[in-house]
Amino acid sequence: MDNLSATDLKAILHSKRTNMYYLEYCRVMQKDGRVLYLTETAKENQYFNIPIANTTVLLLGNGTSITQAAMRMLAQAGVLVGFCGGGSTPLYMGCEVEWFTPQSEYRPTEYLQGWLSFWFDDAKRLAVGKAFQQARIQYLQKIWSKDKDLKSEGFEWSEPGLQAAFDVFDTRTHAATQSSELLLTEAQLTKALYKFAANNTQLTGFKRQHQTDKNSPQALTQKANDFLNHGNYLAYGLAASCLWVLGIPHGFAVMHGKTRRGALVFDVADLIKDALVLPWAFICASENAKEQEFRQQVLQAFTDHKALDFMFDTVKAIALQAKTPQEIAAIEGGSL
């Protein structure tokens, strides 16, 4: 490990990495050339290795600390680090998406340049917003049409009630003339999906709440809200990692507003949230699963359905839409 270089640590592409970690009540440190976390108990201390070369995001929750040496190694491996509250929400600071991002002057510039080639044109940016929405629905259709576990729980693309909502979404998306209309159409579809999921899992009386009441008599519906928050923040971690690797700042959003510094993270995370986070949040809540069980389930779904790959493919395709196939191949071969 002493001879391991930063280049070696980046050998696994971020789009192919399989690990996201949420840690609490532990100390993260560097020991013998590895990044470990230490849990302390009355009887013994235990060390656990973090395979940083195969990790995209590290979320540090309640009762955590991290050493400078560990941060240095995480930065060398290109791991994003975020401090958050219990259960991975909220992500500090404030209500914005903020990450400790590794510093590198060798990240590609082509994707940012491609992104900026359309971003300052309102009509082109609107077209990209529509492309994001179409990609989101296509991904949902793909997952809900083939995932046997979701289909066994009643989450099927072919449901007649859902098809009506998708038809309305498609019509209004194509007809939208500004991003605010896209956001309204998106919100209406998500509301319809919440209603479908609540009915499908018998979570009657569900109402989406970002700040949940722990003392509510409707414990399972509150748990569904908690799981939605939790899963969404995990999706934000993947989105932030994708954008950092491609060198696109979070402020160049196409839908969520040009005044929100982390808005592009929300745009990219939305590509997978409805397809994966939403159904599993309701399923796990209806089964009264523990938070750790939900986290394991949704992370496994991210891996099984290559959520991070899908984010990379979508963002790269949009950023390089004006490039020739030869230019795209040269960029991907030389930079990533």
C-alpha atoms as a PDB file:
ATOM      1  CA  MET A   1       0.000   0.000   0.000  1.00  0.00           C
ATOM      2  CA  ASP A   2       2.926   2.363   0.585  1.00  0.00           C
ATOM      3  CA  ASN A   3       3.694   2.313  -3.158  1.00  0.00           C
ATOM      4  CA  LEU A   4       0.074   2.867  -4.223  1.00  0.00           C
ATOM      5  CA  SER A   5      -0.322   6.085  -6.200  1.00  0.00           C
ATOM      6  CA  ALA A   6      -3.322   8.370  -6.572  1.00  0.00           C
ATOM      7  CA  THR A   7      -3.601   7.174 -10.186  1.00  0.00           C
ATOM      8  CA  ASP A   8      -3.914   3.575  -9.012  1.00  0.00           C
ATOM      9  CA  LEU A   9      -6.693   4.557  -6.616  1.00  0.00           C
ATOM     10  CA  LYS A  10      -8.716   5.982  -9.516  1.00  0.00           C
ATOM     11  CA  ALA A  11      -8.404   2.825 -11.627  1.00  0.00           C
ATOM     12  CA  ILE A  12     -12.074   1.967 -11.073  1.00  0.00           C
ATOM     13  CA  LEU A  13     -14.272   4.444 -12.940  1.00  0.00           C
ATOM     14  CA  HIS A  14     -16.764   6.239 -10.735  1.00  0.00           C
ATOM     15  CA  SER A  15     -19.610   4.990 -12.907  1.00  0.00           C
ATOM     16  CA  LYS A  16     -18.547   1.408 -12.078  1.00  0.00           C
ATOM     17  CA  ARG A  17     -17.943   1.813  -8.345  1.00  0.00           C
ATOM     18  CA  THR A  18     -20.310  -0.133  -6.124  1.00  0.00           C
ATOM     19  CA  ASN A  19     -20.031   1.378  -2.636  1.00  0.00           C
ATOM     20  CA  MET A  20     -21.731   4.233  -0.809  1.00  0.00           C
ATOM     21  CA  TYR A  21     -21.245   4.474   2.943  1.00  0.00           C
ATOM     22  CA  TYR A  22     -23.247   6.124   5.701  1.00  0.00           C
ATOM     23  CA  LEU A  23     -21.419   6.042   9.042  1.00  0.00           C
ATOM     24  CA  GLU A  24     -22.419   7.219  12.504  1.00  0.00           C
ATOM     25  CA  TYR A  25     -20.896   7.149  15.991  1.00  0.00           C
ATOM     26  CA  CYS A  26     -17.405   6.280  14.807  1.00  0.00           C
ATOM     27  CA  ARG A  27     -14.023   7.782  13.990  1.00  0.00           C
ATOM     28  CA  VAL A  28     -12.655   7.698  10.433  1.00  0.00           C
ATOM     29  CA  MET A  29      -8.874   7.555  10.207  1.00  0.00           C
ATOM     30  CA  GLN A  30      -5.890   6.478   8.148  1.00  0.00           C
ATOM     31  CA  LYS A  31      -3.947   3.482   9.431  1.00  0.00           C
ATOM     32  CA  ASP A  32      -1.220   1.505   7.652  1.00  0.00           C
ATOM     33  CA  GLY A  33      -2.070   3.062   4.286  1.00  0.00           C
ATOM     34  CA  ARG A  34      -5.794   2.312   4.548  1.00  0.00           C
ATOM     35  CA  VAL A  35      -8.865   4.320   5.511  1.00  0.00           C
ATOM     36  CA  LEU A  36     -10.655   2.738   8.456  1.00  0.00           C
ATOM     37  CA  TYR A  37     -13.502   3.584  10.770  1.00  0.00           C
ATOM     38  CA  LEU A  38     -13.284   2.825  14.454  1.00  0.00           C
ATOM     39  CA  THR A  39     -16.243   1.949  16.648  1.00  0.00           C
ATOM     40  CA  GLU A  40     -15.677   2.148  20.402  1.00  0.00           C
ATOM     41  CA  THR A  41     -17.564   0.056  22.917  1.00  0.00           C
ATOM     42  CA  ALA A  42     -17.175  -0.546  26.614  1.00  0.00           C
ATOM     43  CA  LYS A  43     -15.432  -3.871  26.041  1.00  0.00           C
ATOM     44  CA  GLU A  44     -13.508  -3.460  22.800  1.00  0.00           C
ATOM     45  CA  ASN A  45     -12.650  -1.231  19.862  1.00  0.00           C
ATOM     46  CA  GLN A  46     -13.274  -2.490  16.352  1.00  0.00           C
ATOM     47  CA  TYR A  47     -11.687  -1.329  13.099  1.00  0.00           C
ATOM     48  CA  PHE A  48     -13.415  -1.725   9.727  1.00  0.00           C
ATOM     49  CA  ASN A  49     -11.809  -1.089   6.352  1.00  0.00           C
ATOM     50  CA  ILE A  50     -13.367   1.282   3.779  1.00  0.00           C
ATOM     51  CA  PRO A  51     -12.437   0.157   0.233  1.00  0.00           C
ATOM     52  CA  ILE A  52     -11.946   3.708  -1.012  1.00  0.00           C
ATOM     53  CA  ALA A  53     -10.904   2.767  -4.563  1.00  0.00           C
ATOM     54  CA  ASN A  54     -14.378   1.263  -5.097  1.00  0.00           C
ATOM     55  CA  THR A  55     -16.366   3.952  -3.232  1.00  0.00           C
ATOM     56  CA  THR A  56     -18.211   6.946  -4.664  1.00  0.00           C
ATOM     57  CA  VAL A  57     -19.655   8.716  -1.615  1.00  0.00           C
ATOM     58  CA  LEU A  58     -19.024   8.745   2.133  1.00  0.00           C
ATOM     59  CA  LEU A  59     -21.757  10.255   4.340  1.00  0.00           C
ATOM     60  CA  LEU A  60     -20.806  11.007   7.946  1.00  0.00           C
ATOM     61  CA  GLY A  61     -23.745  11.194  10.342  1.00  0.00           C
ATOM     62  CA  ASN A  62     -24.185  11.777  14.064  1.00  0.00           C
ATOM     63  CA  GLY A  63     -21.200  11.294  16.365  1.00  0.00           C
ATOM     64  CA  THR A  64     -18.532  11.039  13.662  1.00  0.00           C
ATOM     65  CA  SER A  65     -15.098  12.555  13.248  1.00  0.00           C
ATOM     66  CA  ILE A  66     -12.455  12.240  10.540  1.00  0.00           C
ATOM     67  CA  THR A  67      -8.723  12.874  10.458  1.00  0.00           C
ATOM     68  CA  GLN A  68      -6.811  15.011   7.996  1.00  0.00           C
ATOM     69  CA  ALA A  69      -4.841  11.968   6.827  1.00  0.00           C
ATOM     70  CA  ALA A  70      -8.042  10.074   6.042  1.00  0.00           C
ATOM     71  CA  MET A  71      -9.415  13.053   4.096  1.00  0.00           C
ATOM     72  CA  ARG A  72      -6.193  13.192   2.092  1.00  0.00           C
ATOM     73  CA  MET A  73      -6.501   9.544   1.063  1.00  0.00           C
ATOM     74  CA  LEU A  74     -10.208   9.906   0.284  1.00  0.00           C
ATOM     75  CA  ALA A  75      -9.401  12.898  -1.921  1.00  0.00           C
ATOM     76  CA  GLN A  76      -6.692  10.937  -3.730  1.00  0.00           C
ATOM     77  CA  ALA A  77      -9.226   8.207  -4.481  1.00  0.00           C
ATOM     78  CA  GLY A  78     -11.821  10.735  -5.672  1.00  0.00           C
ATOM     79  CA  VAL A  79     -14.371   9.968  -2.939  1.00  0.00           C
ATOM     80  CA  LEU A  80     -16.938  12.663  -2.168  1.00  0.00           C
ATOM     81  CA  VAL A  81     -17.477  13.287   1.558  1.00  0.00           C
ATOM     82  CA  GLY A  82     -20.577  14.846   3.076  1.00  0.00           C
ATOM     83  CA  PHE A  83     -21.603  15.567   6.668  1.00  0.00           C
ATOM     84  CA  CYS A  84     -25.243  14.870   7.393  1.00  0.00           C
ATOM     85  CA  GLY A  85     -27.781  14.327  10.142  1.00  0.00           C
ATOM     86  CA  GLY A  86     -29.056  11.019  11.470  1.00  0.00           C
ATOM     87  CA  GLY A  87     -30.128   8.540   8.816  1.00  0.00           C
ATOM     88  CA  SER A  88     -28.215  10.520   6.160  1.00  0.00           C
ATOM     89  CA  THR A  89     -30.611  13.515   6.251  1.00  0.00           C
ATOM     90  CA  PRO A  90     -30.374  16.432   6.082  1.00  0.00           C
ATOM     91  CA  LEU A  91     -27.146  17.038   4.257  1.00  0.00           C
ATOM     92  CA  TYR A  92     -25.288  19.937   5.846  1.00  0.00           C
ATOM     93  CA  MET A  93     -24.772  22.867   5.191  1.00  0.00           C
ATOM     94  CA  GLY A  94     -28.186  24.485   5.422  1.00  0.00           C
ATOM     95  CA  CYS A  95     -30.670  23.287   2.842  1.00  0.00           C
ATOM     96  CA  GLU A  96     -28.230  23.248  -0.079  1.00  0.00           C
ATOM     97  CA  VAL A  97     -26.401  20.265  -1.458  1.00  0.00           C
ATOM     98  CA  GLU A  98     -22.814  20.693  -0.290  1.00  0.00           C
ATOM     99  CA  TRP A  99     -19.955  18.246  -0.552  1.00  0.00           C
ATOM    100  CA  PHE A 100     -16.293  18.120   0.255  1.00  0.00           C
ATOM    101  CA  THR A 101     -15.087  17.479  -3.286  1.00  0.00           C
ATOM    102  CA  PRO A 102     -11.580  16.264  -4.075  1.00  0.00           C
ATOM    103  CA  GLN A 103      -9.430  18.853  -5.797  1.00  0.00           C
ATOM    104  CA  SER A 104      -8.000  17.902  -9.167  1.00  0.00           C
ATOM    105  CA  GLU A 105      -6.817  20.036 -12.049  1.00  0.00           C
ATOM    106  CA  TYR A 106      -7.043  17.035 -14.378  1.00  0.00           C
ATOM    107  CA  ARG A 107     -10.783  16.591 -14.520  1.00  0.00           C
ATOM    108  CA  PRO A 108     -12.126  16.871 -18.088  1.00  0.00           C
ATOM    109  CA  THR A 109     -13.143  20.275 -19.425  1.00  0.00           C
ATOM    110  CA  GLU A 110     -15.034  19.016 -22.474  1.00  0.00           C
ATOM    111  CA  TYR A 111     -18.239  18.220 -20.599  1.00  0.00           C
ATOM    112  CA  LEU A 112     -18.410  21.639 -18.948  1.00  0.00           C
ATOM    113  CA  GLN A 113     -17.712  23.345 -22.253  1.00  0.00           C
ATOM    114  CA  GLY A 114     -20.408  21.273 -23.928  1.00  0.00           C
ATOM    115  CA  TRP A 115     -22.843  22.068 -21.116  1.00  0.00           C
ATOM    116  CA  LEU A 116     -22.191  25.794 -21.371  1.00  0.00           C
ATOM    117  CA  SER A 117     -22.659  25.688 -25.149  1.00  0.00           C
ATOM    118  CA  PHE A 118     -26.418  25.426 -24.577  1.00  0.00           C
ATOM    119  CA  TRP A 119     -26.928  26.614 -21.003  1.00  0.00           C
ATOM    120  CA  PHE A 120     -27.114  30.354 -21.681  1.00  0.00           C
ATOM    121  CA  ASP A 121     -29.752  29.856 -24.385  1.00  0.00           C
ATOM    122  CA  ASP A 122     -33.210  29.643 -22.766  1.00  0.00           C
ATOM    123  CA  ALA A 123     -34.727  27.591 -25.590  1.00  0.00           C
ATOM    124  CA  LYS A 124     -31.865  25.072 -25.622  1.00  0.00           C
ATOM    125  CA  ARG A 125     -31.882  24.777 -21.840  1.00  0.00           C
ATOM    126  CA  LEU A 126     -35.626  24.089 -21.935  1.00  0.00           C
ATOM    127  CA  ALA A 127     -35.054  21.399 -24.553  1.00  0.00           C
ATOM    128  CA  VAL A 128     -32.468  19.762 -22.295  1.00  0.00           C
ATOM    129  CA  GLY A 129     -34.926  19.923 -19.381  1.00  0.00           C
ATOM    130  CA  LYS A 130     -37.426  18.033 -21.528  1.00  0.00           C
ATOM    131  CA  ALA A 131     -34.742  15.501 -22.443  1.00  0.00           C
ATOM    132  CA  PHE A 132     -34.088  14.922 -18.727  1.00  0.00           C
ATOM    133  CA  GLN A 133     -37.788  14.268 -18.158  1.00  0.00           C
ATOM    134  CA  GLN A 134     -38.002  11.853 -21.073  1.00  0.00           C
ATOM    135  CA  ALA A 135     -34.920   9.976 -19.856  1.00  0.00           C
ATOM    136  CA  ARG A 136     -36.424   9.782 -16.366  1.00  0.00           C
ATOM    137  CA  ILE A 137     -39.643   8.193 -17.641  1.00  0.00           C
ATOM    138  CA  GLN A 138     -37.813   5.814 -19.953  1.00  0.00           C
ATOM    139  CA  TYR A 139     -35.704   4.626 -17.015  1.00  0.00           C
ATOM    140  CA  LEU A 140     -38.812   4.159 -14.851  1.00  0.00           C
ATOM    141  CA  GLN A 141     -40.491   2.196 -17.645  1.00  0.00           C
ATOM    142  CA  LYS A 142     -37.435  -0.024 -18.026  1.00  0.00           C
ATOM    143  CA  ILE A 143     -37.168  -0.775 -14.297  1.00  0.00           C
ATOM    144  CA  TRP A 144     -40.857  -1.255 -13.556  1.00  0.00           C
ATOM    145  CA  SER A 145     -41.269  -3.469 -16.630  1.00  0.00           C
ATOM    146  CA  LYS A 146     -38.545  -5.965 -15.733  1.00  0.00           C
ATOM    147  CA  ASP A 147     -37.814  -5.863 -11.973  1.00  0.00           C
ATOM    148  CA  LYS A 148     -39.432  -9.020 -10.598  1.00  0.00           C
ATOM    149  CA  ASP A 149     -39.314  -7.838  -6.980  1.00  0.00           C
ATOM    150  CA  LEU A 150     -41.112  -4.586  -7.773  1.00  0.00           C
ATOM    151  CA  LYS A 151     -43.642  -6.355  -9.987  1.00  0.00           C
ATOM    152  CA  SER A 152     -44.409  -8.834  -7.212  1.00  0.00           C
ATOM    153  CA  GLU A 153     -45.233  -5.845  -4.987  1.00  0.00           C
ATOM    154  CA  GLY A 154     -47.619  -4.429  -7.597  1.00  0.00           C
ATOM    155  CA  PHE A 155     -45.315  -1.796  -9.111  1.00  0.00           C
ATOM    156  CA  GLU A 156     -45.911  -2.466 -12.804  1.00  0.00           C
ATOM    157  CA  TRP A 157     -45.520  -0.058 -15.683  1.00  0.00           C
ATOM    158  CA  SER A 158     -48.623  -1.400 -17.425  1.00  0.00           C
ATOM    159  CA  GLU A 159     -51.048  -0.381 -14.654  1.00  0.00           C
ATOM    160  CA  PRO A 160     -53.971   1.449 -16.403  1.00  0.00           C
ATOM    161  CA  GLY A 161     -54.128   4.174 -13.757  1.00  0.00           C
ATOM    162  CA  LEU A 162     -50.458   4.929 -14.204  1.00  0.00           C
ATOM    163  CA  GLN A 163     -50.687   5.023 -17.988  1.00  0.00           C
ATOM    164  CA  ALA A 164     -53.177   7.879 -17.800  1.00  0.00           C
ATOM    165  CA  ALA A 165     -50.777   9.865 -15.598  1.00  0.00           C
ATOM    166  CA  PHE A 166     -47.856   9.132 -17.927  1.00  0.00           C
ATOM    167  CA  ASP A 167     -49.867  10.241 -20.967  1.00  0.00           C
ATOM    168  CA  VAL A 168     -50.694  13.555 -19.309  1.00  0.00           C
ATOM    169  CA  PHE A 169     -47.062  13.966 -18.280  1.00  0.00           C
ATOM    170  CA  ASP A 170     -45.838  13.321 -21.812  1.00  0.00           C
ATOM    171  CA  THR A 171     -48.326  15.755 -23.372  1.00  0.00           C
ATOM    172  CA  ARG A 172     -47.621  18.571 -20.917  1.00  0.00           C
ATOM    173  CA  THR A 173     -43.856  18.060 -21.096  1.00  0.00           C
ATOM    174  CA  HIS A 174     -43.825  18.433 -24.858  1.00  0.00           C
ATOM    175  CA  ALA A 175     -46.103  21.485 -24.668  1.00  0.00           C
ATOM    176  CA  ALA A 176     -44.099  23.284 -21.942  1.00  0.00           C
ATOM    177  CA  THR A 177     -42.665  26.660 -22.925  1.00  0.00           C
ATOM    178  CA  GLN A 178     -40.677  27.365 -19.733  1.00  0.00           C
ATOM    179  CA  SER A 179     -38.946  25.407 -16.987  1.00  0.00           C
ATOM    180  CA  SER A 180     -41.575  26.318 -14.372  1.00  0.00           C
ATOM    181  CA  GLU A 181     -44.136  24.381 -16.425  1.00  0.00           C
ATOM    182  CA  LEU A 182     -41.804  21.377 -16.496  1.00  0.00           C
ATOM    183  CA  LEU A 183     -41.457  21.517 -12.720  1.00  0.00           C
ATOM    184  CA  LEU A 184     -45.239  21.718 -12.265  1.00  0.00           C
ATOM    185  CA  THR A 185     -45.768  18.750 -14.589  1.00  0.00           C
ATOM    186  CA  GLU A 186     -43.085  16.808 -12.737  1.00  0.00           C
ATOM    187  CA  ALA A 187     -44.719  17.566  -9.379  1.00  0.00           C
ATOM    188  CA  GLN A 188     -48.098  16.411 -10.649  1.00  0.00           C
ATOM    189  CA  LEU A 189     -46.679  13.100 -11.863  1.00  0.00           C
ATOM    190  CA  THR A 190     -44.801  12.521  -8.611  1.00  0.00           C
ATOM    191  CA  LYS A 191     -48.002  13.204  -6.666  1.00  0.00           C
ATOM    192  CA  ALA A 192     -49.802  10.602  -8.792  1.00  0.00           C
ATOM    193  CA  LEU A 193     -46.989   8.104  -8.158  1.00  0.00           C
ATOM    194  CA  TYR A 194     -47.193   8.749  -4.395  1.00  0.00           C
ATOM    195  CA  LYS A 195     -50.927   8.074  -4.484  1.00  0.00           C
ATOM    196  CA  PHE A 196     -50.448   4.878  -6.481  1.00  0.00           C
ATOM    197  CA  ALA A 197     -47.658   3.655  -4.199  1.00  0.00           C
ATOM    198  CA  ALA A 198     -49.633   4.457  -1.011  1.00  0.00           C
ATOM    199  CA  ASN A 199     -52.708   2.596  -2.284  1.00  0.00           C
ATOM    200  CA  ASN A 200     -50.576  -0.282  -3.519  1.00  0.00           C
ATOM    201  CA  THR A 201     -48.930  -0.760  -0.108  1.00  0.00           C
ATOM    202  CA  GLN A 202     -52.042   0.039   1.981  1.00  0.00           C
ATOM    203  CA  LEU A 203     -50.458   3.106   3.545  1.00  0.00           C
ATOM    204  CA  THR A 204     -53.710   5.044   3.761  1.00  0.00           C
ATOM    205  CA  GLY A 205     -53.606   8.719   4.597  1.00  0.00           C
ATOM    206  CA  PHE A 206     -50.102   9.237   3.208  1.00  0.00           C
ATOM    207  CA  LYS A 207     -49.083  12.858   2.734  1.00  0.00           C
ATOM    208  CA  ARG A 208     -45.622  13.872   1.585  1.00  0.00           C
ATOM    209  CA  GLN A 209     -43.798  15.653   4.396  1.00  0.00           C
ATOM    210  CA  HIS A 210     -40.104  16.537   4.309  1.00  0.00           C
ATOM    211  CA  GLN A 211     -40.102  17.274   8.057  1.00  0.00           C
ATOM    212  CA  THR A 212     -41.723  14.282   9.713  1.00  0.00           C
ATOM    213  CA  ASP A 213     -43.489  14.066  13.058  1.00  0.00           C
ATOM    214  CA  LYS A 214     -41.970  11.241  15.087  1.00  0.00           C
ATOM    215  CA  ASN A 215     -44.993  11.227  17.414  1.00  0.00           C
ATOM    216  CA  SER A 216     -47.570  10.853  14.650  1.00  0.00           C
ATOM    217  CA  PRO A 217     -50.090   8.039  15.207  1.00  0.00           C
ATOM    218  CA  GLN A 218     -49.609   7.042  11.556  1.00  0.00           C
ATOM    219  CA  ALA A 219     -46.202   5.535  12.164  1.00  0.00           C
ATOM    220  CA  LEU A 220     -45.877   3.685   8.856  1.00  0.00           C
ATOM    221  CA  THR A 221     -46.772   6.695   6.700  1.00  0.00           C
ATOM    222  CA  GLN A 222     -44.245   8.737   8.646  1.00  0.00           C
ATOM    223  CA  LYS A 223     -41.708   5.993   8.049  1.00  0.00           C
ATOM    224  CA  ALA A 224     -42.418   6.193   4.307  1.00  0.00           C
ATOM    225  CA  ASN A 225     -41.593   9.910   4.432  1.00  0.00           C
ATOM    226  CA  ASP A 226     -38.388   9.191   6.345  1.00  0.00           C
ATOM    227  CA  PHE A 227     -37.377   6.563   3.806  1.00  0.00           C
ATOM    228  CA  LEU A 228     -38.131   8.904   0.902  1.00  0.00           C
ATOM    229  CA  ASN A 229     -35.902  11.563   2.483  1.00  0.00           C
ATOM    230  CA  HIS A 230     -33.177   9.019   3.150  1.00  0.00           C
ATOM    231  CA  GLY A 231     -33.251   7.489  -0.320  1.00  0.00           C
ATOM    232  CA  ASN A 232     -33.349  10.884  -2.013  1.00  0.00           C
ATOM    233  CA  TYR A 233     -30.185  11.984  -0.220  1.00  0.00           C
ATOM    234  CA  LEU A 234     -28.437   8.809  -1.314  1.00  0.00           C
ATOM    235  CA  ALA A 235     -29.460   9.665  -4.880  1.00  0.00           C
ATOM    236  CA  TYR A 236     -28.057  13.170  -4.367  1.00  0.00           C
ATOM    237  CA  GLY A 237     -24.736  11.579  -3.438  1.00  0.00           C
ATOM    238  CA  LEU A 238     -24.618   9.662  -6.714  1.00  0.00           C
ATOM    239  CA  ALA A 239     -25.622  12.755  -8.690  1.00  0.00           C
ATOM    240  CA  ALA A 240     -22.993  14.930  -7.018  1.00  0.00           C
ATOM    241  CA  SER A 241     -20.323  12.309  -7.728  1.00  0.00           C
ATOM    242  CA  CYS A 242     -21.348  12.107 -11.382  1.00  0.00           C
ATOM    243  CA  LEU A 243     -21.173  15.878 -11.828  1.00  0.00           C
ATOM    244  CA  TRP A 244     -17.853  16.196  -9.992  1.00  0.00           C
ATOM    245  CA  VAL A 245     -16.212  13.525 -12.153  1.00  0.00           C
ATOM    246  CA  LEU A 246     -17.467  15.207 -15.343  1.00  0.00           C
ATOM    247  CA  GLY A 247     -16.393  18.635 -14.082  1.00  0.00           C
ATOM    248  CA  ILE A 248     -19.832  20.291 -14.312  1.00  0.00           C
ATOM    249  CA  PRO A 249     -20.578  22.734 -11.436  1.00  0.00           C
ATOM    250  CA  HIS A 250     -23.803  22.139  -9.537  1.00  0.00           C
ATOM    251  CA  GLY A 251     -25.130  25.603 -10.303  1.00  0.00           C
ATOM    252  CA  PHE A 252     -25.778  25.012 -14.018  1.00  0.00           C
ATOM    253  CA  ALA A 253     -29.225  23.492 -13.569  1.00  0.00           C
ATOM    254  CA  VAL A 254     -31.716  22.960 -16.367  1.00  0.00           C
ATOM    255  CA  MET A 255     -34.911  22.749 -14.293  1.00  0.00           C
ATOM    256  CA  HIS A 256     -34.607  23.522 -10.609  1.00  0.00           C
ATOM    257  CA  GLY A 257     -33.689  27.165 -10.998  1.00  0.00           C
ATOM    258  CA  LYS A 258     -30.548  29.143 -11.764  1.00  0.00           C
ATOM    259  CA  THR A 259     -30.457  30.694  -8.283  1.00  0.00           C
ATOM    260  CA  ARG A 260     -29.959  27.425  -6.350  1.00  0.00           C
ATOM    261  CA  ARG A 261     -26.287  26.581  -6.067  1.00  0.00           C
ATOM    262  CA  GLY A 262     -26.848  22.825  -5.897  1.00  0.00           C
ATOM    263  CA  ALA A 263     -29.782  22.663  -8.296  1.00  0.00           C
ATOM    264  CA  LEU A 264     -28.171  20.494 -10.980  1.00  0.00           C
ATOM    265  CA  VAL A 265     -27.661  17.775  -8.355  1.00  0.00           C
ATOM    266  CA  PHE A 266     -31.447  17.678  -7.928  1.00  0.00           C
ATOM    267  CA  ASP A 267     -31.967  17.518 -11.706  1.00  0.00           C
ATOM    268  CA  VAL A 268     -29.639  14.543 -12.079  1.00  0.00           C
ATOM    269  CA  ALA A 269     -30.925  12.730  -8.974  1.00  0.00           C
ATOM    270  CA  ASP A 270     -34.476  13.005 -10.315  1.00  0.00           C
ATOM    271  CA  LEU A 271     -33.461  10.664 -13.126  1.00  0.00           C
ATOM    272  CA  ILE A 272     -33.636   7.689 -10.741  1.00  0.00           C
ATOM    273  CA  LYS A 273     -35.679   8.744  -7.708  1.00  0.00           C
ATOM    274  CA  ASP A 274     -39.140   7.810  -8.981  1.00  0.00           C
ATOM    275  CA  ALA A 275     -37.987   4.521 -10.479  1.00  0.00           C
ATOM    276  CA  LEU A 276     -36.056   3.207  -7.461  1.00  0.00           C
ATOM    277  CA  VAL A 277     -36.320   5.278  -4.279  1.00  0.00           C
ATOM    278  CA  LEU A 278     -40.079   5.872  -4.361  1.00  0.00           C
ATOM    279  CA  PRO A 279     -41.314   2.260  -4.631  1.00  0.00           C
ATOM    280  CA  TRP A 280     -38.835   0.835  -2.142  1.00  0.00           C
ATOM    281  CA  ALA A 281     -39.576   3.578   0.387  1.00  0.00           C
ATOM    282  CA  PHE A 282     -43.243   2.567   0.413  1.00  0.00           C
ATOM    283  CA  ILE A 283     -42.581  -1.172   0.299  1.00  0.00           C
ATOM    284  CA  CYS A 284     -40.102  -1.063   3.193  1.00  0.00           C
ATOM    285  CA  ALA A 285     -42.362   1.235   5.217  1.00  0.00           C
ATOM    286  CA  SER A 286     -45.342  -1.100   4.754  1.00  0.00           C
ATOM    287  CA  GLU A 287     -43.166  -3.952   6.040  1.00  0.00           C
ATOM    288  CA  ASN A 288     -42.072  -1.803   8.987  1.00  0.00           C
ATOM    289  CA  ALA A 289     -38.442  -2.297   7.985  1.00  0.00           C
ATOM    290  CA  LYS A 290     -35.592  -0.713   9.874  1.00  0.00           C
ATOM    291  CA  GLU A 291     -33.761   2.239   8.379  1.00  0.00           C
ATOM    292  CA  GLN A 292     -30.635   0.181   7.780  1.00  0.00           C
ATOM    293  CA  GLU A 293     -32.682  -2.471   5.964  1.00  0.00           C
ATOM    294  CA  PHE A 294     -34.182   0.174   3.692  1.00  0.00           C
ATOM    295  CA  ARG A 295     -30.765   1.674   3.012  1.00  0.00           C
ATOM    296  CA  GLN A 296     -29.360  -1.726   2.055  1.00  0.00           C
ATOM    297  CA  GLN A 297     -32.336  -2.396  -0.198  1.00  0.00           C
ATOM    298  CA  VAL A 298     -32.192   0.887  -2.083  1.00  0.00           C
ATOM    299  CA  LEU A 299     -28.395   0.760  -2.485  1.00  0.00           C
ATOM    300  CA  GLN A 300     -28.737  -2.759  -3.871  1.00  0.00           C
ATOM    301  CA  ALA A 301     -31.356  -1.447  -6.300  1.00  0.00           C
ATOM    302  CA  PHE A 302     -28.944   1.313  -7.392  1.00  0.00           C
ATOM    303  CA  THR A 303     -26.337  -1.368  -8.106  1.00  0.00           C
ATOM    304  CA  ASP A 304     -28.659  -3.885  -9.784  1.00  0.00           C
ATOM    305  CA  HIS A 305     -30.098  -1.295 -12.159  1.00  0.00           C
ATOM    306  CA  LYS A 306     -26.830   0.596 -12.764  1.00  0.00           C
ATOM    307  CA  ALA A 307     -28.250   3.896 -11.546  1.00  0.00           C
ATOM    308  CA  LEU A 308     -24.889   5.662 -11.534  1.00  0.00           C
ATOM    309  CA  ASP A 309     -24.092   4.414 -15.040  1.00  0.00           C
ATOM    310  CA  PHE A 310     -27.434   5.779 -16.205  1.00  0.00           C
ATOM    311  CA  MET A 311     -26.670   9.185 -14.685  1.00  0.00           C
ATOM    312  CA  PHE A 312     -23.271   9.307 -16.377  1.00  0.00           C
ATOM    313  CA  ASP A 313     -24.647   8.188 -19.743  1.00  0.00           C
ATOM    314  CA  THR A 314     -27.457  10.759 -19.670  1.00  0.00           C
ATOM    315  CA  VAL A 315     -25.328  13.726 -18.594  1.00  0.00           C
ATOM    316  CA  LYS A 316     -22.504  12.861 -20.990  1.00  0.00           C
ATOM    317  CA  ALA A 317     -24.889  12.428 -23.919  1.00  0.00           C
ATOM    318  CA  ILE A 318     -26.447  15.827 -23.279  1.00  0.00           C
ATOM    319  CA  ALA A 319     -23.110  17.592 -22.691  1.00  0.00           C
ATOM    320  CA  LEU A 320     -21.584  16.121 -25.842  1.00  0.00           C
ATOM    321  CA  GLN A 321     -24.646  16.323 -28.073  1.00  0.00           C
ATOM    322  CA  ALA A 322     -22.858  18.707 -30.469  1.00  0.00           C
ATOM    323  CA  LYS A 323     -19.769  16.498 -30.727  1.00  0.00           C
ATOM    324  CA  THR A 324     -18.965  13.983 -33.447  1.00  0.00           C
ATOM    325  CA  PRO A 325     -18.683  10.268 -32.504  1.00  0.00           C
ATOM    326  CA  GLN A 326     -14.927  10.478 -33.043  1.00  0.00           C
ATOM    327  CA  GLU A 327     -14.616  13.438 -30.679  1.00  0.00           C
ATOM    328  CA  ILE A 328     -16.708  11.683 -28.029  1.00  0.00           C
ATOM    329  CA  ALA A 329     -14.537   8.558 -28.265  1.00  0.00           C
ATOM    330  CA  ALA A 330     -11.372  10.647 -27.935  1.00  0.00           C
ATOM    331  CA  ILE A 331     -12.719  12.493 -24.904  1.00  0.00           C
ATOM    332  CA  GLU A 332     -13.844   9.338 -23.112  1.00  0.00           C
ATOM    333  CA  GLY A 333     -10.655   7.478 -23.926  1.00  0.00           C
ATOM    334  CA  GLY A 334      -8.356  10.271 -22.761  1.00  0.00           C
ATOM    335  CA  SER A 335     -10.141  11.840 -19.792  1.00  0.00           C
ATOM    336  CA  LEU A 336     -12.081   9.132 -18.006  1.00  0.00           C
END
